[in-house]
């Protein structure tokens, strides 16, 4: 039995239209989800499920709770796809104004910064509450995390874009070397 807390505002997304999302998670993993809409607690009953798939189900529930759409969260069922959560309070403590500014800088004007990081790294990024969640492959995750950390440390967006372009070049050359 596993438990996961998600914000009340995300419960509807976890259940989905006519329970589709919940059913899809249950069928894919063999777990049974019990959702308490009052508290936001999700009980994941994994007694009849593969332990690895139960962990994946927990990650998908957590991803939906962190602001991802079910379609993006279901990417976690793929092999070599992981999720990482960065807590902005680790960087700024309880300074709400600094956290608000950091969220804005990560998203960028009209979502440009987030979209650029996603495109260069092949990851999905969700900025929700005081957290930034990233879903992607190990390689893409490492580069996306570093980019976000650079933004949180105050680097300019142009510096981030240059860093991403350099990493993309390195990845192309390393894939050519393997032949």
C-alpha atoms as a PDB file:
ATOM      1  CA  UNK A   1       0.000   0.000   0.000  1.00  0.00           C
ATOM      2  CA  UNK A   2       1.400   3.374  -1.040  1.00  0.00           C
ATOM      3  CA  UNK A   3       0.084   6.856  -0.335  1.00  0.00           C
ATOM      4  CA  UNK A   4       0.516  10.051  -2.311  1.00  0.00           C
ATOM      5  CA  UNK A   5      -0.836  13.531  -1.566  1.00  0.00           C
ATOM      6  CA  UNK A   6      -1.878  15.742  -4.462  1.00  0.00           C
ATOM      7  CA  UNK A   7      -3.433  19.223  -4.468  1.00  0.00           C
ATOM      8  CA  UNK A   8      -7.231  19.255  -4.444  1.00  0.00           C
ATOM      9  CA  UNK A   9      -7.192  21.272  -7.671  1.00  0.00           C
ATOM     10  CA  UNK A  10      -5.545  18.313  -9.467  1.00  0.00           C
ATOM     11  CA  UNK A  11      -7.942  15.581  -8.302  1.00  0.00           C
ATOM     12  CA  UNK A  12     -10.276  16.123 -11.259  1.00  0.00           C
ATOM     13  CA  UNK A  13      -7.361  15.716 -13.665  1.00  0.00           C
ATOM     14  CA  UNK A  14      -6.250  12.501 -11.926  1.00  0.00           C
ATOM     15  CA  UNK A  15      -9.732  11.013 -12.177  1.00  0.00           C
ATOM     16  CA  UNK A  16     -10.280  12.268 -15.730  1.00  0.00           C
ATOM     17  CA  UNK A  17     -13.469  12.522 -17.740  1.00  0.00           C
ATOM     18  CA  UNK A  18     -15.758   9.667 -16.658  1.00  0.00           C
ATOM     19  CA  UNK A  19     -12.819   8.163 -14.703  1.00  0.00           C
ATOM     20  CA  UNK A  20     -10.753   7.511 -17.856  1.00  0.00           C
ATOM     21  CA  UNK A  21      -7.388   8.618 -16.452  1.00  0.00           C
ATOM     22  CA  UNK A  22      -7.736   6.596 -13.251  1.00  0.00           C
ATOM     23  CA  UNK A  23      -8.855   3.520 -15.206  1.00  0.00           C
ATOM     24  CA  UNK A  24      -5.942   3.883 -17.595  1.00  0.00           C
ATOM     25  CA  UNK A  25      -3.438   3.986 -14.717  1.00  0.00           C
ATOM     26  CA  UNK A  26      -5.090   0.977 -13.064  1.00  0.00           C
ATOM     27  CA  UNK A  27      -5.139  -1.097 -16.270  1.00  0.00           C
ATOM     28  CA  UNK A  28      -1.547  -0.223 -17.203  1.00  0.00           C
ATOM     29  CA  UNK A  29      -0.106  -1.140 -13.817  1.00  0.00           C
ATOM     30  CA  UNK A  30      -2.519  -3.496 -12.056  1.00  0.00           C
ATOM     31  CA  UNK A  31      -2.888  -1.190  -9.034  1.00  0.00           C
ATOM     32  CA  UNK A  32      -6.132   0.035  -7.475  1.00  0.00           C
ATOM     33  CA  UNK A  33      -6.418   3.790  -6.859  1.00  0.00           C
ATOM     34  CA  UNK A  34      -8.595   5.147  -4.052  1.00  0.00           C
ATOM     35  CA  UNK A  35      -8.865   8.930  -4.202  1.00  0.00           C
ATOM     36  CA  UNK A  36     -10.058  11.024  -1.242  1.00  0.00           C
ATOM     37  CA  UNK A  37     -11.280  14.271  -2.801  1.00  0.00           C
ATOM     38  CA  UNK A  38     -11.592  15.967   0.609  1.00  0.00           C
ATOM     39  CA  UNK A  39      -7.958  15.589   1.691  1.00  0.00           C
ATOM     40  CA  UNK A  40      -6.215  15.013  -1.651  1.00  0.00           C
ATOM     41  CA  UNK A  41      -4.829  11.666  -0.476  1.00  0.00           C
ATOM     42  CA  UNK A  42      -4.434   8.948  -3.087  1.00  0.00           C
ATOM     43  CA  UNK A  43      -4.110   5.360  -1.875  1.00  0.00           C
ATOM     44  CA  UNK A  44      -2.287   3.079  -4.299  1.00  0.00           C
ATOM     45  CA  UNK A  45      -3.133  -0.561  -3.543  1.00  0.00           C
ATOM     46  CA  UNK A  46      -0.326  -2.600  -5.087  1.00  0.00           C
ATOM     47  CA  UNK A  47      -1.094  -6.018  -3.571  1.00  0.00           C
ATOM     48  CA  UNK A  48      -1.821  -7.627  -6.969  1.00  0.00           C
ATOM     49  CA  UNK A  49       0.622  -5.550  -9.010  1.00  0.00           C
ATOM     50  CA  UNK A  50       4.210  -5.813 -10.168  1.00  0.00           C
ATOM     51  CA  UNK A  51       6.272  -3.715  -7.678  1.00  0.00           C
ATOM     52  CA  UNK A  52       8.050  -1.885 -10.510  1.00  0.00           C
ATOM     53  CA  UNK A  53       4.736  -0.942 -12.136  1.00  0.00           C
ATOM     54  CA  UNK A  54       3.382   0.144  -8.741  1.00  0.00           C
ATOM     55  CA  UNK A  55       6.298   2.578  -8.431  1.00  0.00           C
ATOM     56  CA  UNK A  56       5.568   3.847 -11.940  1.00  0.00           C
ATOM     57  CA  UNK A  57       1.897   4.342 -10.981  1.00  0.00           C
ATOM     58  CA  UNK A  58       2.992   6.346  -7.940  1.00  0.00           C
ATOM     59  CA  UNK A  59       5.223   8.504 -10.167  1.00  0.00           C
ATOM     60  CA  UNK A  60       2.360   9.122 -12.617  1.00  0.00           C
ATOM     61  CA  UNK A  61       0.040  10.170  -9.766  1.00  0.00           C
ATOM     62  CA  UNK A  62       2.758  12.461  -8.411  1.00  0.00           C
ATOM     63  CA  UNK A  63       3.360  13.948 -11.894  1.00  0.00           C
ATOM     64  CA  UNK A  64      -0.331  14.716 -12.381  1.00  0.00           C
ATOM     65  CA  UNK A  65      -0.318  16.296  -8.915  1.00  0.00           C
ATOM     66  CA  UNK A  66       2.642  18.467  -9.938  1.00  0.00           C
ATOM     67  CA  UNK A  67       0.753  19.938 -12.891  1.00  0.00           C
ATOM     68  CA  UNK A  68       1.419  17.612 -15.833  1.00  0.00           C
ATOM     69  CA  UNK A  69      -1.371  16.542 -18.156  1.00  0.00           C
ATOM     70  CA  UNK A  70      -2.137  12.805 -18.029  1.00  0.00           C
ATOM     71  CA  UNK A  71      -0.721  12.408 -21.557  1.00  0.00           C
ATOM     72  CA  UNK A  72       2.643  13.821 -20.470  1.00  0.00           C
ATOM     73  CA  UNK A  73       2.594  11.964 -17.139  1.00  0.00           C
ATOM     74  CA  UNK A  74       1.993   8.638 -18.933  1.00  0.00           C
ATOM     75  CA  UNK A  75       5.416   9.064 -20.522  1.00  0.00           C
ATOM     76  CA  UNK A  76       6.729   7.809 -17.174  1.00  0.00           C
ATOM     77  CA  UNK A  77       5.510   4.323 -18.166  1.00  0.00           C
ATOM     78  CA  UNK A  78       8.218   4.272 -20.848  1.00  0.00           C
ATOM     79  CA  UNK A  79      11.560   2.727 -20.027  1.00  0.00           C
ATOM     80  CA  UNK A  80      14.384   5.175 -19.185  1.00  0.00           C
ATOM     81  CA  UNK A  81      11.958   8.047 -18.512  1.00  0.00           C
ATOM     82  CA  UNK A  82      12.109   9.573 -15.036  1.00  0.00           C
ATOM     83  CA  UNK A  83      10.733  12.547 -13.131  1.00  0.00           C
ATOM     84  CA  UNK A  84      12.588  14.979 -10.943  1.00  0.00           C
ATOM     85  CA  UNK A  85      11.091  17.685  -8.749  1.00  0.00           C
ATOM     86  CA  UNK A  86      12.982  20.846  -7.807  1.00  0.00           C
ATOM     87  CA  UNK A  87      11.590  22.662  -4.761  1.00  0.00           C
ATOM     88  CA  UNK A  88      11.990  26.425  -5.131  1.00  0.00           C
ATOM     89  CA  UNK A  89      11.890  26.787  -1.334  1.00  0.00           C
ATOM     90  CA  UNK A  90      15.278  25.040  -1.237  1.00  0.00           C
ATOM     91  CA  UNK A  91      16.661  28.051  -3.107  1.00  0.00           C
ATOM     92  CA  UNK A  92      14.632  30.935  -1.669  1.00  0.00           C
ATOM     93  CA  UNK A  93      13.203  29.725   1.646  1.00  0.00           C
ATOM     94  CA  UNK A  94       9.906  31.384   2.511  1.00  0.00           C
ATOM     95  CA  UNK A  95      10.486  34.507   0.400  1.00  0.00           C
ATOM     96  CA  UNK A  96       7.300  34.343  -1.687  1.00  0.00           C
ATOM     97  CA  UNK A  97       8.289  37.309  -3.847  1.00  0.00           C
ATOM     98  CA  UNK A  98      11.571  35.647  -4.892  1.00  0.00           C
ATOM     99  CA  UNK A  99       9.735  32.360  -5.598  1.00  0.00           C
ATOM    100  CA  UNK A 100       7.193  34.219  -7.764  1.00  0.00           C
ATOM    101  CA  UNK A 101      10.002  35.904  -9.721  1.00  0.00           C
ATOM    102  CA  UNK A 102      11.840  32.570 -10.141  1.00  0.00           C
ATOM    103  CA  UNK A 103       8.676  30.891 -11.471  1.00  0.00           C
ATOM    104  CA  UNK A 104       8.275  33.719 -13.961  1.00  0.00           C
ATOM    105  CA  UNK A 105      11.895  33.480 -15.099  1.00  0.00           C
ATOM    106  CA  UNK A 106      11.689  29.701 -15.602  1.00  0.00           C
ATOM    107  CA  UNK A 107       8.521  30.057 -17.670  1.00  0.00           C
ATOM    108  CA  UNK A 108       9.769  33.151 -19.519  1.00  0.00           C
ATOM    109  CA  UNK A 109       7.818  35.606 -21.647  1.00  0.00           C
ATOM    110  CA  UNK A 110       4.862  33.783 -23.194  1.00  0.00           C
ATOM    111  CA  UNK A 111       6.440  30.477 -22.072  1.00  0.00           C
ATOM    112  CA  UNK A 112       9.514  30.901 -24.285  1.00  0.00           C
ATOM    113  CA  UNK A 113      12.176  29.888 -21.725  1.00  0.00           C
ATOM    114  CA  UNK A 114      10.362  26.731 -20.654  1.00  0.00           C
ATOM    115  CA  UNK A 115       9.508  25.801 -24.247  1.00  0.00           C
ATOM    116  CA  UNK A 116      13.132  26.312 -25.350  1.00  0.00           C
ATOM    117  CA  UNK A 117      14.479  24.092 -22.562  1.00  0.00           C
ATOM    118  CA  UNK A 118      11.852  21.444 -23.388  1.00  0.00           C
ATOM    119  CA  UNK A 119      12.667  21.531 -27.114  1.00  0.00           C
ATOM    120  CA  UNK A 120      16.446  21.346 -26.663  1.00  0.00           C
ATOM    121  CA  UNK A 121      16.364  18.566 -24.064  1.00  0.00           C
ATOM    122  CA  UNK A 122      13.328  16.511 -25.109  1.00  0.00           C
ATOM    123  CA  UNK A 123      11.810  16.892 -21.646  1.00  0.00           C
ATOM    124  CA  UNK A 124       8.517  18.204 -20.266  1.00  0.00           C
ATOM    125  CA  UNK A 125       8.600  20.900 -17.582  1.00  0.00           C
ATOM    126  CA  UNK A 126       5.785  21.902 -15.225  1.00  0.00           C
ATOM    127  CA  UNK A 127       5.987  24.908 -12.909  1.00  0.00           C
ATOM    128  CA  UNK A 128       3.316  24.383 -10.259  1.00  0.00           C
ATOM    129  CA  UNK A 129       3.136  26.042  -6.851  1.00  0.00           C
ATOM    130  CA  UNK A 130       6.590  26.113  -5.307  1.00  0.00           C
ATOM    131  CA  UNK A 131       7.979  23.296  -7.446  1.00  0.00           C
ATOM    132  CA  UNK A 132       9.404  22.700 -10.893  1.00  0.00           C
ATOM    133  CA  UNK A 133       8.905  19.150 -12.170  1.00  0.00           C
ATOM    134  CA  UNK A 134      10.772  17.662 -15.139  1.00  0.00           C
ATOM    135  CA  UNK A 135       9.891  14.469 -17.036  1.00  0.00           C
ATOM    136  CA  UNK A 136      12.363  13.047 -19.540  1.00  0.00           C
ATOM    137  CA  UNK A 137      15.263  10.750 -20.318  1.00  0.00           C
ATOM    138  CA  UNK A 138      18.336  10.689 -18.080  1.00  0.00           C
ATOM    139  CA  UNK A 139      20.437  12.729 -20.528  1.00  0.00           C
ATOM    140  CA  UNK A 140      17.748  15.324 -21.186  1.00  0.00           C
ATOM    141  CA  UNK A 141      16.904  15.524 -17.483  1.00  0.00           C
ATOM    142  CA  UNK A 142      20.483  16.333 -16.547  1.00  0.00           C
ATOM    143  CA  UNK A 143      20.698  19.201 -19.051  1.00  0.00           C
ATOM    144  CA  UNK A 144      17.218  20.566 -18.204  1.00  0.00           C
ATOM    145  CA  UNK A 145      17.983  20.483 -14.458  1.00  0.00           C
ATOM    146  CA  UNK A 146      21.269  22.315 -14.999  1.00  0.00           C
ATOM    147  CA  UNK A 147      19.501  24.949 -17.142  1.00  0.00           C
ATOM    148  CA  UNK A 148      16.853  25.531 -14.481  1.00  0.00           C
ATOM    149  CA  UNK A 149      19.495  25.720 -11.751  1.00  0.00           C
ATOM    150  CA  UNK A 150      21.353  28.329 -13.818  1.00  0.00           C
ATOM    151  CA  UNK A 151      18.146  30.387 -14.075  1.00  0.00           C
ATOM    152  CA  UNK A 152      17.598  30.060 -10.312  1.00  0.00           C
ATOM    153  CA  UNK A 153      21.160  31.269  -9.714  1.00  0.00           C
ATOM    154  CA  UNK A 154      20.426  34.396 -11.755  1.00  0.00           C
ATOM    155  CA  UNK A 155      21.945  33.602 -15.172  1.00  0.00           C
ATOM    156  CA  UNK A 156      20.511  35.503 -18.126  1.00  0.00           C
ATOM    157  CA  UNK A 157      18.261  33.657 -20.551  1.00  0.00           C
ATOM    158  CA  UNK A 158      20.749  34.225 -23.379  1.00  0.00           C
ATOM    159  CA  UNK A 159      23.375  32.367 -21.327  1.00  0.00           C
ATOM    160  CA  UNK A 160      20.959  29.462 -20.853  1.00  0.00           C
ATOM    161  CA  UNK A 161      20.177  29.315 -24.579  1.00  0.00           C
ATOM    162  CA  UNK A 162      23.912  29.298 -25.396  1.00  0.00           C
ATOM    163  CA  UNK A 163      24.457  26.505 -22.844  1.00  0.00           C
ATOM    164  CA  UNK A 164      21.627  24.482 -24.424  1.00  0.00           C
ATOM    165  CA  UNK A 165      23.005  24.984 -27.941  1.00  0.00           C
ATOM    166  CA  UNK A 166      26.440  23.817 -26.772  1.00  0.00           C
ATOM    167  CA  UNK A 167      24.975  20.708 -25.113  1.00  0.00           C
ATOM    168  CA  UNK A 168      22.979  19.913 -28.260  1.00  0.00           C
ATOM    169  CA  UNK A 169      26.203  20.110 -30.316  1.00  0.00           C
ATOM    170  CA  UNK A 170      27.969  17.818 -27.840  1.00  0.00           C
ATOM    171  CA  UNK A 171      25.119  15.299 -28.018  1.00  0.00           C
ATOM    172  CA  UNK A 172      25.231  15.303 -31.841  1.00  0.00           C
ATOM    173  CA  UNK A 173      28.988  14.707 -31.865  1.00  0.00           C
ATOM    174  CA  UNK A 174      28.777  11.944 -29.261  1.00  0.00           C
ATOM    175  CA  UNK A 175      26.081  10.180 -31.302  1.00  0.00           C
ATOM    176  CA  UNK A 176      28.288  10.447 -34.407  1.00  0.00           C
ATOM    177  CA  UNK A 177      31.250   8.990 -32.494  1.00  0.00           C
ATOM    178  CA  UNK A 178      29.270   5.842 -31.678  1.00  0.00           C
ATOM    179  CA  UNK A 179      29.177   4.829 -35.359  1.00  0.00           C
END
